Amino acid sequence: MNNIPMKPRSLKLLEFLSLEKSADRLLAFEVPKDALSWTRFCGALLLVLVVLLFLSGIFMAFYYSPIP
């Protein structure tokens, strides 16, 4: 049989896209303990939803016509 060690697909993809150094830096980054809390999660979720609301409103303002 084949004795060549196989790499996982994710590592092959990182090599192909030349993102190994970036992935290593992200994996080595230590997150502070207080960064993972429900208040920060809900605040970040609220921020994303409000930005999405404004972006969709701007998009609709360009293309919406009230005439049936």
C-alpha atoms as a PDB file:
ATOM      1  CA  MET A   1       0.000   0.000   0.000  1.00  0.00           C
ATOM      2  CA  ASN A   2       0.826   3.656   0.033  1.00  0.00           C
ATOM      3  CA  ASN A   3       3.162   4.657   2.925  1.00  0.00           C
ATOM      4  CA  ILE A   4       3.060   8.391   2.186  1.00  0.00           C
ATOM      5  CA  PRO A   5       1.653  10.317   5.178  1.00  0.00           C
ATOM      6  CA  MET A   6      -1.488  12.198   4.241  1.00  0.00           C
ATOM      7  CA  LYS A   7      -2.141  15.789   5.326  1.00  0.00           C
ATOM      8  CA  PRO A   8      -5.608  16.889   6.359  1.00  0.00           C
ATOM      9  CA  ARG A   9      -7.467  18.899   3.738  1.00  0.00           C
ATOM     10  CA  SER A  10      -7.419  22.029   5.872  1.00  0.00           C
ATOM     11  CA  LEU A  11      -3.609  22.016   5.942  1.00  0.00           C
ATOM     12  CA  LYS A  12      -3.477  21.484   2.192  1.00  0.00           C
ATOM     13  CA  LEU A  13      -5.820  24.435   1.709  1.00  0.00           C
ATOM     14  CA  LEU A  14      -3.732  26.657   4.005  1.00  0.00           C
ATOM     15  CA  GLU A  15      -0.610  25.722   2.069  1.00  0.00           C
ATOM     16  CA  PHE A  16      -2.325  26.368  -1.253  1.00  0.00           C
ATOM     17  CA  LEU A  17      -3.547  29.802  -0.171  1.00  0.00           C
ATOM     18  CA  SER A  18      -0.248  30.627   1.608  1.00  0.00           C
ATOM     19  CA  LEU A  19      -2.073  31.304   4.868  1.00  0.00           C
ATOM     20  CA  GLU A  20      -0.029  29.105   7.190  1.00  0.00           C
ATOM     21  CA  LYS A  21       1.715  32.015   8.936  1.00  0.00           C
ATOM     22  CA  SER A  22      -1.547  33.887   9.442  1.00  0.00           C
ATOM     23  CA  ALA A  23      -3.258  30.781  10.814  1.00  0.00           C
ATOM     24  CA  ASP A  24      -0.361  30.138  13.201  1.00  0.00           C
ATOM     25  CA  ARG A  25      -0.539  33.720  14.492  1.00  0.00           C
ATOM     26  CA  LEU A  26      -4.291  33.443  15.053  1.00  0.00           C
ATOM     27  CA  LEU A  27      -3.931  30.134  16.872  1.00  0.00           C
ATOM     28  CA  ALA A  28      -1.159  31.532  19.092  1.00  0.00           C
ATOM     29  CA  PHE A  29      -3.222  34.607  20.051  1.00  0.00           C
ATOM     30  CA  GLU A  30      -4.419  34.428  23.650  1.00  0.00           C
ATOM     31  CA  VAL A  31      -7.915  35.727  24.327  1.00  0.00           C
ATOM     32  CA  PRO A  32      -8.424  37.501  27.664  1.00  0.00           C
ATOM     33  CA  LYS A  33     -10.802  35.744  30.041  1.00  0.00           C
ATOM     34  CA  ASP A  34     -13.172  38.692  30.256  1.00  0.00           C
ATOM     35  CA  ALA A  35     -13.488  38.852  26.447  1.00  0.00           C
ATOM     36  CA  LEU A  36     -15.784  35.841  26.347  1.00  0.00           C
ATOM     37  CA  SER A  37     -18.906  36.932  28.170  1.00  0.00           C
ATOM     38  CA  TRP A  38     -22.611  37.124  27.396  1.00  0.00           C
ATOM     39  CA  THR A  39     -22.648  40.915  27.496  1.00  0.00           C
ATOM     40  CA  ARG A  40     -19.902  41.206  24.890  1.00  0.00           C
ATOM     41  CA  PHE A  41     -21.522  38.521  22.749  1.00  0.00           C
ATOM     42  CA  CYS A  42     -24.922  40.225  22.826  1.00  0.00           C
ATOM     43  CA  GLY A  43     -23.352  43.628  22.194  1.00  0.00           C
ATOM     44  CA  ALA A  44     -21.427  42.350  19.194  1.00  0.00           C
ATOM     45  CA  LEU A  45     -24.526  40.601  17.865  1.00  0.00           C
ATOM     46  CA  LEU A  46     -26.534  43.813  18.275  1.00  0.00           C
ATOM     47  CA  LEU A  47     -23.862  45.787  16.420  1.00  0.00           C
ATOM     48  CA  VAL A  48     -23.852  43.331  13.513  1.00  0.00           C
ATOM     49  CA  LEU A  49     -27.645  43.349  13.273  1.00  0.00           C
ATOM     50  CA  VAL A  50     -27.882  47.159  13.367  1.00  0.00           C
ATOM     51  CA  VAL A  51     -25.243  47.474  10.628  1.00  0.00           C
ATOM     52  CA  LEU A  52     -27.146  44.895   8.576  1.00  0.00           C
ATOM     53  CA  LEU A  53     -30.368  46.842   9.135  1.00  0.00           C
ATOM     54  CA  PHE A  54     -28.809  50.093   7.895  1.00  0.00           C
ATOM     55  CA  LEU A  55     -27.134  48.443   4.905  1.00  0.00           C
ATOM     56  CA  SER A  56     -30.362  46.766   3.834  1.00  0.00           C
ATOM     57  CA  GLY A  57     -32.209  50.075   4.283  1.00  0.00           C
ATOM     58  CA  ILE A  58     -29.707  51.869   2.052  1.00  0.00           C
ATOM     59  CA  PHE A  59     -29.996  49.104  -0.536  1.00  0.00           C
ATOM     60  CA  MET A  60     -33.797  49.332  -0.483  1.00  0.00           C
ATOM     61  CA  ALA A  61     -33.683  53.142  -0.783  1.00  0.00           C
ATOM     62  CA  PHE A  62     -31.950  52.805  -4.135  1.00  0.00           C
ATOM     63  CA  TYR A  63     -34.296  50.226  -5.638  1.00  0.00           C
ATOM     64  CA  TYR A  64     -37.694  50.623  -3.929  1.00  0.00           C
ATOM     65  CA  SER A  65     -40.453  52.327  -5.865  1.00  0.00           C
ATOM     66  CA  PRO A  66     -43.789  52.847  -4.055  1.00  0.00           C
ATOM     67  CA  ILE A  67     -45.788  52.825  -7.297  1.00  0.00           C
ATOM     68  CA  PRO A  68     -47.577  49.457  -7.741  1.00  0.00           C
END
